[in-house]
């Protein structure tokens, strides 16, 4: 079991990574797919990596439900990007 002070450090690192790296890149991808552009292989891998990370947050959210709404909004953003990217691929 992780100690509370270690968990606080993991939480801070996760939030920093989301705010400084993941969110800006996700918003750029959203702009790209909203223009009708397709995602390249690196961008698709990024979305897959984020999805895997979100899966690992499940246990954390059980202990810290106060972050659930933030995670749900993040999942919604990534879902929207993914759905639009699939539609762009299908449109050719």
PDB file of N, CA and C in Angstrom:
ATOM      1  N   UNK A   1       0.849  -1.180   0.000  1.00  0.00           N
ATOM      2  CA  UNK A   1       0.000   0.000   0.000  1.00  0.00           C
ATOM      3  C   UNK A   1       0.894   1.242   0.000  1.00  0.00           C
ATOM      4  N   UNK A   2       0.489   2.222  -0.751  1.00  0.00           N
ATOM      5  CA  UNK A   2       1.270   3.453  -0.871  1.00  0.00           C
ATOM      6  C   UNK A   2       1.002   4.362   0.333  1.00  0.00           C
ATOM      7  N   UNK A   3       2.067   4.996   0.798  1.00  0.00           N
ATOM      8  CA  UNK A   3       1.944   5.904   1.930  1.00  0.00           C
ATOM      9  C   UNK A   3       1.274   7.201   1.476  1.00  0.00           C
ATOM     10  N   UNK A   4       0.514   7.857   2.374  1.00  0.00           N
ATOM     11  CA  UNK A   4      -0.183   9.094   1.992  1.00  0.00           C
ATOM     12  C   UNK A   4       0.746  10.169   1.426  1.00  0.00           C
ATOM     13  N   UNK A   5       1.934  10.328   1.991  1.00  0.00           N
ATOM     14  CA  UNK A   5       2.841  11.362   1.474  1.00  0.00           C
ATOM     15  C   UNK A   5       3.375  11.003   0.088  1.00  0.00           C
ATOM     16  N   UNK A   6       3.543   9.700  -0.164  1.00  0.00           N
ATOM     17  CA  UNK A   6       3.964   9.271  -1.499  1.00  0.00           C
ATOM     18  C   UNK A   6       2.833   9.466  -2.497  1.00  0.00           C
ATOM     19  N   UNK A   7       1.625   9.160  -2.071  1.00  0.00           N
ATOM     20  CA  UNK A   7       0.477   9.334  -2.944  1.00  0.00           C
ATOM     21  C   UNK A   7       0.286  10.811  -3.295  1.00  0.00           C
ATOM     22  N   UNK A   8       0.524  11.695  -2.356  1.00  0.00           N
ATOM     23  CA  UNK A   8       0.419  13.126  -2.625  1.00  0.00           C
ATOM     24  C   UNK A   8       1.424  13.543  -3.690  1.00  0.00           C
ATOM     25  N   UNK A   9       2.624  12.988  -3.634  1.00  0.00           N
ATOM     26  CA  UNK A   9       3.642  13.291  -4.642  1.00  0.00           C
ATOM     27  C   UNK A   9       3.254  12.765  -6.013  1.00  0.00           C
ATOM     28  N   UNK A  10       2.697  11.569  -6.046  1.00  0.00           N
ATOM     29  CA  UNK A  10       2.240  10.987  -7.309  1.00  0.00           C
ATOM     30  C   UNK A  10       1.102  11.824  -7.882  1.00  0.00           C
ATOM     31  N   UNK A  11       0.186  12.243  -7.021  1.00  0.00           N
ATOM     32  CA  UNK A  11      -0.925  13.089  -7.453  1.00  0.00           C
ATOM     33  C   UNK A  11      -0.409  14.387  -8.053  1.00  0.00           C
ATOM     34  N   UNK A  12       0.526  15.043  -7.379  1.00  0.00           N
ATOM     35  CA  UNK A  12       1.060  16.308  -7.878  1.00  0.00           C
ATOM     36  C   UNK A  12       1.754  16.122  -9.227  1.00  0.00           C
ATOM     37  N   UNK A  13       2.532  15.072  -9.351  1.00  0.00           N
ATOM     38  CA  UNK A  13       3.228  14.801 -10.617  1.00  0.00           C
ATOM     39  C   UNK A  13       2.225  14.519 -11.736  1.00  0.00           C
ATOM     40  N   UNK A  14       1.177  13.773 -11.420  1.00  0.00           N
ATOM     41  CA  UNK A  14       0.153  13.454 -12.419  1.00  0.00           C
ATOM     42  C   UNK A  14      -0.582  14.708 -12.871  1.00  0.00           C
ATOM     43  N   UNK A  15      -0.949  15.559 -11.926  1.00  0.00           N
ATOM     44  CA  UNK A  15      -1.637  16.806 -12.273  1.00  0.00           C
ATOM     45  C   UNK A  15      -0.733  17.731 -13.085  1.00  0.00           C
ATOM     46  N   UNK A  16       0.532  17.811 -12.711  1.00  0.00           N
ATOM     47  CA  UNK A  16       1.481  18.639 -13.464  1.00  0.00           C
ATOM     48  C   UNK A  16       1.617  18.135 -14.896  1.00  0.00           C
ATOM     49  N   UNK A  17       1.747  16.815 -15.057  1.00  0.00           N
ATOM     50  CA  UNK A  17       1.879  16.241 -16.400  1.00  0.00           C
ATOM     51  C   UNK A  17       0.623  16.516 -17.216  1.00  0.00           C
ATOM     52  N   UNK A  18      -0.534  16.390 -16.591  1.00  0.00           N
ATOM     53  CA  UNK A  18      -1.780  16.651 -17.305  1.00  0.00           C
ATOM     54  C   UNK A  18      -1.864  18.114 -17.742  1.00  0.00           C
ATOM     55  N   UNK A  19      -1.631  19.026 -16.808  1.00  0.00           N
ATOM     56  CA  UNK A  19      -1.762  20.458 -17.107  1.00  0.00           C
ATOM     57  C   UNK A  19      -0.718  20.976 -18.084  1.00  0.00           C
ATOM     58  N   UNK A  20       0.510  20.507 -17.967  1.00  0.00           N
ATOM     59  CA  UNK A  20       1.603  21.063 -18.758  1.00  0.00           C
ATOM     60  C   UNK A  20       1.892  20.322 -20.055  1.00  0.00           C
ATOM     61  N   UNK A  21       1.513  19.061 -20.129  1.00  0.00           N
ATOM     62  CA  UNK A  21       1.831  18.268 -21.322  1.00  0.00           C
ATOM     63  C   UNK A  21       0.589  17.718 -22.020  1.00  0.00           C
ATOM     64  N   UNK A  22      -0.184  16.986 -21.283  1.00  0.00           N
ATOM     65  CA  UNK A  22      -1.291  16.256 -21.901  1.00  0.00           C
ATOM     66  C   UNK A  22      -2.423  17.164 -22.368  1.00  0.00           C
ATOM     67  N   UNK A  23      -2.856  18.084 -21.526  1.00  0.00           N
ATOM     68  CA  UNK A  23      -3.978  18.941 -21.902  1.00  0.00           C
ATOM     69  C   UNK A  23      -3.646  19.828 -23.103  1.00  0.00           C
ATOM     70  N   UNK A  24      -2.507  20.512 -23.129  1.00  0.00           N
ATOM     71  CA  UNK A  24      -2.204  21.316 -24.320  1.00  0.00           C
ATOM     72  C   UNK A  24      -2.148  20.484 -25.605  1.00  0.00           C
ATOM     73  N   UNK A  25      -1.554  19.308 -25.521  1.00  0.00           N
ATOM     74  CA  UNK A  25      -1.469  18.455 -26.704  1.00  0.00           C
ATOM     75  C   UNK A  25      -2.859  17.960 -27.107  1.00  0.00           C
ATOM     76  N   UNK A  26      -3.675  17.598 -26.136  1.00  0.00           N
ATOM     77  CA  UNK A  26      -5.035  17.142 -26.439  1.00  0.00           C
ATOM     78  C   UNK A  26      -5.844  18.252 -27.102  1.00  0.00           C
ATOM     79  N   UNK A  27      -5.715  19.470 -26.622  1.00  0.00           N
ATOM     80  CA  UNK A  27      -6.449  20.583 -27.222  1.00  0.00           C
ATOM     81  C   UNK A  27      -5.977  20.850 -28.652  1.00  0.00           C
ATOM     82  N   UNK A  28      -4.691  20.682 -28.905  1.00  0.00           N
ATOM     83  CA  UNK A  28      -4.165  20.827 -30.268  1.00  0.00           C
ATOM     84  C   UNK A  28      -4.719  19.725 -31.171  1.00  0.00           C
ATOM     85  N   UNK A  29      -4.807  18.506 -30.645  1.00  0.00           N
ATOM     86  CA  UNK A  29      -5.378  17.413 -31.427  1.00  0.00           C
ATOM     87  C   UNK A  29      -6.862  17.647 -31.696  1.00  0.00           C
ATOM     88  N   UNK A  30      -7.563  18.204 -30.731  1.00  0.00           N
ATOM     89  CA  UNK A  30      -8.980  18.504 -30.919  1.00  0.00           C
ATOM     90  C   UNK A  30      -9.149  19.518 -32.037  1.00  0.00           C
ATOM     91  N   UNK A  31      -8.317  20.559 -32.043  1.00  0.00           N
ATOM     92  CA  UNK A  31      -8.368  21.541 -33.126  1.00  0.00           C
ATOM     93  C   UNK A  31      -8.114  20.868 -34.472  1.00  0.00           C
ATOM     94  N   UNK A  32      -7.155  19.968 -34.490  1.00  0.00           N
ATOM     95  CA  UNK A  32      -6.791  19.277 -35.728  1.00  0.00           C
ATOM     96  C   UNK A  32      -7.957  18.437 -36.259  1.00  0.00           C
ATOM     97  N   UNK A  33      -8.560  17.620 -35.401  1.00  0.00           N
ATOM     98  CA  UNK A  33      -9.660  16.776 -35.876  1.00  0.00           C
ATOM     99  C   UNK A  33     -10.908  17.600 -36.172  1.00  0.00           C
ATOM    100  N   UNK A  34     -11.099  18.702 -35.459  1.00  0.00           N
ATOM    101  CA  UNK A  34     -12.237  19.582 -35.743  1.00  0.00           C
ATOM    102  C   UNK A  34     -12.119  20.217 -37.123  1.00  0.00           C
ATOM    103  N   UNK A  35     -10.887  20.372 -37.620  1.00  0.00           N
ATOM    104  CA  UNK A  35     -10.662  20.895 -38.982  1.00  0.00           C
ATOM    105  C   UNK A  35     -10.870  19.821 -40.041  1.00  0.00           C
ATOM    106  N   UNK A  36     -11.053  18.587 -39.584  1.00  0.00           N
ATOM    107  CA  UNK A  36     -11.248  17.489 -40.519  1.00  0.00           C
ATOM    108  C   UNK A  36      -9.980  16.733 -40.855  1.00  0.00           C
ATOM    109  N   UNK A  37      -8.874  17.082 -40.195  1.00  0.00           N
ATOM    110  CA  UNK A  37      -7.607  16.415 -40.453  1.00  0.00           C
ATOM    111  C   UNK A  37      -7.557  15.057 -39.762  1.00  0.00           C
ATOM    112  N   UNK A  38      -6.701  14.184 -40.295  1.00  0.00           N
ATOM    113  CA  UNK A  38      -6.484  12.870 -39.704  1.00  0.00           C
ATOM    114  C   UNK A  38      -5.304  12.933 -38.739  1.00  0.00           C
ATOM    115  N   UNK A  39      -5.314  12.031 -37.772  1.00  0.00           N
ATOM    116  CA  UNK A  39      -4.211  11.938 -36.825  1.00  0.00           C
ATOM    117  C   UNK A  39      -3.128  11.038 -37.392  1.00  0.00           C
ATOM    118  N   UNK A  40      -1.873  11.369 -37.085  1.00  0.00           N
ATOM    119  CA  UNK A  40      -0.784  10.500 -37.518  1.00  0.00           C
ATOM    120  C   UNK A  40      -0.545   9.418 -36.455  1.00  0.00           C
ATOM    121  N   UNK A  41       0.360   8.528 -36.740  1.00  0.00           N
ATOM    122  CA  UNK A  41       0.616   7.379 -35.858  1.00  0.00           C
ATOM    123  C   UNK A  41       1.054   7.808 -34.451  1.00  0.00           C
ATOM    124  N   UNK A  42       1.874   8.830 -34.371  1.00  0.00           N
ATOM    125  CA  UNK A  42       2.344   9.322 -33.075  1.00  0.00           C
ATOM    126  C   UNK A  42       1.195   9.885 -32.247  1.00  0.00           C
ATOM    127  N   UNK A  43       0.298  10.577 -32.901  1.00  0.00           N
ATOM    128  CA  UNK A  43      -0.852  11.159 -32.200  1.00  0.00           C
ATOM    129  C   UNK A  43      -1.817  10.074 -31.720  1.00  0.00           C
ATOM    130  N   UNK A  44      -2.005   9.041 -32.515  1.00  0.00           N
ATOM    131  CA  UNK A  44      -2.857   7.928 -32.107  1.00  0.00           C
ATOM    132  C   UNK A  44      -2.238   7.207 -30.910  1.00  0.00           C
ATOM    133  N   UNK A  45      -0.914   7.022 -30.939  1.00  0.00           N
ATOM    134  CA  UNK A  45      -0.221   6.391 -29.815  1.00  0.00           C
ATOM    135  C   UNK A  45      -0.373   7.232 -28.545  1.00  0.00           C
ATOM    136  N   UNK A  46      -0.286   8.549 -28.679  1.00  0.00           N
ATOM    137  CA  UNK A  46      -0.483   9.448 -27.541  1.00  0.00           C
ATOM    138  C   UNK A  46      -1.852   9.203 -26.910  1.00  0.00           C
ATOM    139  N   UNK A  47      -2.889   9.130 -27.735  1.00  0.00           N
ATOM    140  CA  UNK A  47      -4.238   8.895 -27.205  1.00  0.00           C
ATOM    141  C   UNK A  47      -4.336   7.530 -26.526  1.00  0.00           C
ATOM    142  N   UNK A  48      -3.685   6.528 -27.091  1.00  0.00           N
ATOM    143  CA  UNK A  48      -3.692   5.191 -26.481  1.00  0.00           C
ATOM    144  C   UNK A  48      -2.971   5.207 -25.132  1.00  0.00           C
ATOM    145  N   UNK A  49      -1.853   5.921 -25.050  1.00  0.00           N
ATOM    146  CA  UNK A  49      -1.117   6.026 -23.792  1.00  0.00           C
ATOM    147  C   UNK A  49      -1.951   6.715 -22.721  1.00  0.00           C
ATOM    148  N   UNK A  50      -2.654   7.762 -23.117  1.00  0.00           N
ATOM    149  CA  UNK A  50      -3.512   8.473 -22.167  1.00  0.00           C
ATOM    150  C   UNK A  50      -4.640   7.571 -21.684  1.00  0.00           C
ATOM    151  N   UNK A  51      -5.226   6.815 -22.594  1.00  0.00           N
ATOM    152  CA  UNK A  51      -6.299   5.898 -22.208  1.00  0.00           C
ATOM    153  C   UNK A  51      -5.793   4.879 -21.190  1.00  0.00           C
ATOM    154  N   UNK A  52      -4.590   4.383 -21.398  1.00  0.00           N
ATOM    155  CA  UNK A  52      -4.007   3.419 -20.448  1.00  0.00           C
ATOM    156  C   UNK A  52      -3.782   4.080 -19.089  1.00  0.00           C
ATOM    157  N   UNK A  53      -3.301   5.318 -19.099  1.00  0.00           N
ATOM    158  CA  UNK A  53      -3.103   6.042 -17.839  1.00  0.00           C
ATOM    159  C   UNK A  53      -4.412   6.259 -17.106  1.00  0.00           C
ATOM    160  N   UNK A  54      -5.455   6.590 -17.847  1.00  0.00           N
ATOM    161  CA  UNK A  54      -6.755   6.817 -17.218  1.00  0.00           C
ATOM    162  C   UNK A  54      -7.260   5.546 -16.552  1.00  0.00           C
ATOM    163  N   UNK A  55      -6.976   4.418 -17.152  1.00  0.00           N
ATOM    164  CA  UNK A  55      -7.387   3.138 -16.558  1.00  0.00           C
ATOM    165  C   UNK A  55      -6.701   2.924 -15.204  1.00  0.00           C
ATOM    166  N   UNK A  56      -5.460   3.346 -15.084  1.00  0.00           N
ATOM    167  CA  UNK A  56      -4.734   3.156 -13.830  1.00  0.00           C
ATOM    168  C   UNK A  56      -5.227   4.079 -12.716  1.00  0.00           C
ATOM    169  N   UNK A  57      -5.983   5.118 -13.060  1.00  0.00           N
ATOM    170  CA  UNK A  57      -6.491   6.052 -12.052  1.00  0.00           C
ATOM    171  C   UNK A  57      -7.679   5.502 -11.274  1.00  0.00           C
ATOM    172  N   UNK A  58      -8.200   4.384 -11.709  1.00  0.00           N
ATOM    173  CA  UNK A  58      -9.401   3.820 -11.092  1.00  0.00           C
ATOM    174  C   UNK A  58      -9.251   3.675  -9.571  1.00  0.00           C
ATOM    175  N   UNK A  59      -8.184   3.041  -9.128  1.00  0.00           N
ATOM    176  CA  UNK A  59      -7.970   2.853  -7.695  1.00  0.00           C
ATOM    177  C   UNK A  59      -7.775   4.163  -6.963  1.00  0.00           C
ATOM    178  N   UNK A  60      -7.087   5.083  -7.613  1.00  0.00           N
ATOM    179  CA  UNK A  60      -6.866   6.405  -7.014  1.00  0.00           C
ATOM    180  C   UNK A  60      -8.202   7.112  -6.776  1.00  0.00           C
ATOM    181  N   UNK A  61      -9.103   7.040  -7.742  1.00  0.00           N
ATOM    182  CA  UNK A  61     -10.384   7.723  -7.602  1.00  0.00           C
ATOM    183  C   UNK A  61     -11.234   7.124  -6.497  1.00  0.00           C
ATOM    184  N   UNK A  62     -11.048   5.861  -6.215  1.00  0.00           N
ATOM    185  CA  UNK A  62     -11.780   5.250  -5.110  1.00  0.00           C
ATOM    186  C   UNK A  62     -11.360   5.879  -3.783  1.00  0.00           C
ATOM    187  N   UNK A  63     -10.080   6.260  -3.695  1.00  0.00           N
ATOM    188  CA  UNK A  63      -9.563   6.882  -2.465  1.00  0.00           C
ATOM    189  C   UNK A  63      -9.722   8.403  -2.469  1.00  0.00           C
ATOM    190  N   UNK A  64      -9.864   8.998  -3.663  1.00  0.00           N
ATOM    191  CA  UNK A  64      -9.947  10.462  -3.783  1.00  0.00           C
ATOM    192  C   UNK A  64     -11.075  10.848  -4.750  1.00  0.00           C
ATOM    193  N   UNK A  65     -12.312  10.649  -4.329  1.00  0.00           N
ATOM    194  CA  UNK A  65     -13.437  10.943  -5.230  1.00  0.00           C
ATOM    195  C   UNK A  65     -13.544  12.422  -5.602  1.00  0.00           C
ATOM    196  N   UNK A  66     -12.861  13.287  -4.895  1.00  0.00           N
ATOM    197  CA  UNK A  66     -12.923  14.715  -5.211  1.00  0.00           C
ATOM    198  C   UNK A  66     -12.315  15.040  -6.584  1.00  0.00           C
ATOM    199  N   UNK A  67     -11.540  14.111  -7.145  1.00  0.00           N
ATOM    200  CA  UNK A  67     -10.935  14.316  -8.459  1.00  0.00           C
ATOM    201  C   UNK A  67     -11.729  13.646  -9.584  1.00  0.00           C
ATOM    202  N   UNK A  68     -12.816  13.020  -9.240  1.00  0.00           N
ATOM    203  CA  UNK A  68     -13.582  12.264 -10.233  1.00  0.00           C
ATOM    204  C   UNK A  68     -14.081  13.149 -11.377  1.00  0.00           C
ATOM    205  N   UNK A  69     -14.599  14.313 -11.066  1.00  0.00           N
ATOM    206  CA  UNK A  69     -15.139  15.182 -12.114  1.00  0.00           C
ATOM    207  C   UNK A  69     -14.048  15.632 -13.086  1.00  0.00           C
ATOM    208  N   UNK A  70     -12.860  15.900 -12.584  1.00  0.00           N
ATOM    209  CA  UNK A  70     -11.744  16.279 -13.447  1.00  0.00           C
ATOM    210  C   UNK A  70     -11.386  15.133 -14.399  1.00  0.00           C
ATOM    211  N   UNK A  71     -11.333  13.921 -13.867  1.00  0.00           N
ATOM    212  CA  UNK A  71     -11.008  12.756 -14.691  1.00  0.00           C
ATOM    213  C   UNK A  71     -12.120  12.510 -15.712  1.00  0.00           C
ATOM    214  N   UNK A  72     -13.360  12.656 -15.313  1.00  0.00           N
ATOM    215  CA  UNK A  72     -14.482  12.458 -16.226  1.00  0.00           C
ATOM    216  C   UNK A  72     -14.409  13.473 -17.372  1.00  0.00           C
ATOM    217  N   UNK A  73     -14.075  14.717 -17.069  1.00  0.00           N
ATOM    218  CA  UNK A  73     -13.944  15.730 -18.120  1.00  0.00           C
ATOM    219  C   UNK A  73     -12.787  15.386 -19.060  1.00  0.00           C
ATOM    220  N   UNK A  74     -11.697  14.895 -18.498  1.00  0.00           N
ATOM    221  CA  UNK A  74     -10.560  14.478 -19.324  1.00  0.00           C
ATOM    222  C   UNK A  74     -10.937  13.331 -20.239  1.00  0.00           C
ATOM    223  N   UNK A  75     -11.643  12.355 -19.693  1.00  0.00           N
ATOM    224  CA  UNK A  75     -12.092  11.221 -20.498  1.00  0.00           C
ATOM    225  C   UNK A  75     -13.017  11.709 -21.612  1.00  0.00           C
ATOM    226  N   UNK A  76     -13.878  12.639 -21.285  1.00  0.00           N
ATOM    227  CA  UNK A  76     -14.792  13.189 -22.295  1.00  0.00           C
ATOM    228  C   UNK A  76     -14.044  13.861 -23.436  1.00  0.00           C
ATOM    229  N   UNK A  77     -13.009  14.615 -23.101  1.00  0.00           N
ATOM    230  CA  UNK A  77     -12.203  15.285 -24.123  1.00  0.00           C
ATOM    231  C   UNK A  77     -11.521  14.266 -25.022  1.00  0.00           C
ATOM    232  N   UNK A  78     -10.894  13.261 -24.429  1.00  0.00           N
ATOM    233  CA  UNK A  78     -10.209  12.237 -25.223  1.00  0.00           C
ATOM    234  C   UNK A  78     -11.195  11.414 -26.037  1.00  0.00           C
ATOM    235  N   UNK A  79     -12.374  11.164 -25.504  1.00  0.00           N
ATOM    236  CA  UNK A  79     -13.402  10.443 -26.255  1.00  0.00           C
ATOM    237  C   UNK A  79     -13.849  11.258 -27.460  1.00  0.00           C
ATOM    238  N   UNK A  80     -14.059  12.538 -27.255  1.00  0.00           N
ATOM    239  CA  UNK A  80     -14.473  13.428 -28.347  1.00  0.00           C
ATOM    240  C   UNK A  80     -13.411  13.459 -29.458  1.00  0.00           C
ATOM    241  N   UNK A  81     -12.156  13.558 -29.076  1.00  0.00           N
ATOM    242  CA  UNK A  81     -11.063  13.571 -30.057  1.00  0.00           C
ATOM    243  C   UNK A  81     -11.044  12.253 -30.833  1.00  0.00           C
ATOM    244  N   UNK A  82     -11.143  11.149 -30.105  1.00  0.00           N
ATOM    245  CA  UNK A  82     -11.085   9.832 -30.733  1.00  0.00           C
ATOM    246  C   UNK A  82     -12.249   9.627 -31.701  1.00  0.00           C
ATOM    247  N   UNK A  83     -13.446   9.977 -31.278  1.00  0.00           N
ATOM    248  CA  UNK A  83     -14.616   9.803 -32.139  1.00  0.00           C
ATOM    249  C   UNK A  83     -14.504  10.647 -33.402  1.00  0.00           C
ATOM    250  N   UNK A  84     -14.043  11.886 -33.253  1.00  0.00           N
ATOM    251  CA  UNK A  84     -13.894  12.767 -34.414  1.00  0.00           C
ATOM    252  C   UNK A  84     -12.782  12.264 -35.331  1.00  0.00           C
ATOM    253  N   UNK A  85     -11.707  11.750 -34.757  1.00  0.00           N
ATOM    254  CA  UNK A  85     -10.609  11.210 -35.563  1.00  0.00           C
ATOM    255  C   UNK A  85     -11.077  10.004 -36.374  1.00  0.00           C
ATOM    256  N   UNK A  86     -11.885   9.148 -35.761  1.00  0.00           N
ATOM    257  CA  UNK A  86     -12.433   7.982 -36.474  1.00  0.00           C
ATOM    258  C   UNK A  86     -13.339   8.444 -37.611  1.00  0.00           C
ATOM    259  N   UNK A  87     -14.186   9.427 -37.353  1.00  0.00           N
ATOM    260  CA  UNK A  87     -15.068   9.962 -38.391  1.00  0.00           C
ATOM    261  C   UNK A  87     -14.246  10.547 -39.540  1.00  0.00           C
ATOM    262  N   UNK A  88     -13.156  11.244 -39.221  1.00  0.00           N
ATOM    263  CA  UNK A  88     -12.302  11.810 -40.261  1.00  0.00           C
ATOM    264  C   UNK A  88     -11.665  10.708 -41.102  1.00  0.00           C
ATOM    265  N   UNK A  89     -11.240   9.632 -40.448  1.00  0.00           N
ATOM    266  CA  UNK A  89     -10.648   8.493 -41.182  1.00  0.00           C
ATOM    267  C   UNK A  89     -11.674   7.859 -42.118  1.00  0.00           C
ATOM    268  N   UNK A  90     -12.878   7.691 -41.623  1.00  0.00           N
ATOM    269  CA  UNK A  90     -13.935   7.048 -42.409  1.00  0.00           C
ATOM    270  C   UNK A  90     -14.370   7.925 -43.577  1.00  0.00           C
ATOM    271  N   UNK A  91     -14.277   9.238 -43.387  1.00  0.00           N
ATOM    272  CA  UNK A  91     -14.656  10.176 -44.453  1.00  0.00           C
ATOM    273  C   UNK A  91     -13.633  10.164 -45.590  1.00  0.00           C
ATOM    274  N   UNK A  92     -12.445   9.651 -45.276  1.00  0.00           N
ATOM    275  CA  UNK A  92     -11.410   9.522 -46.298  1.00  0.00           C
ATOM    276  C   UNK A  92     -10.612  10.753 -46.400  1.00  0.00           C
TER     277      UNK A  92
END
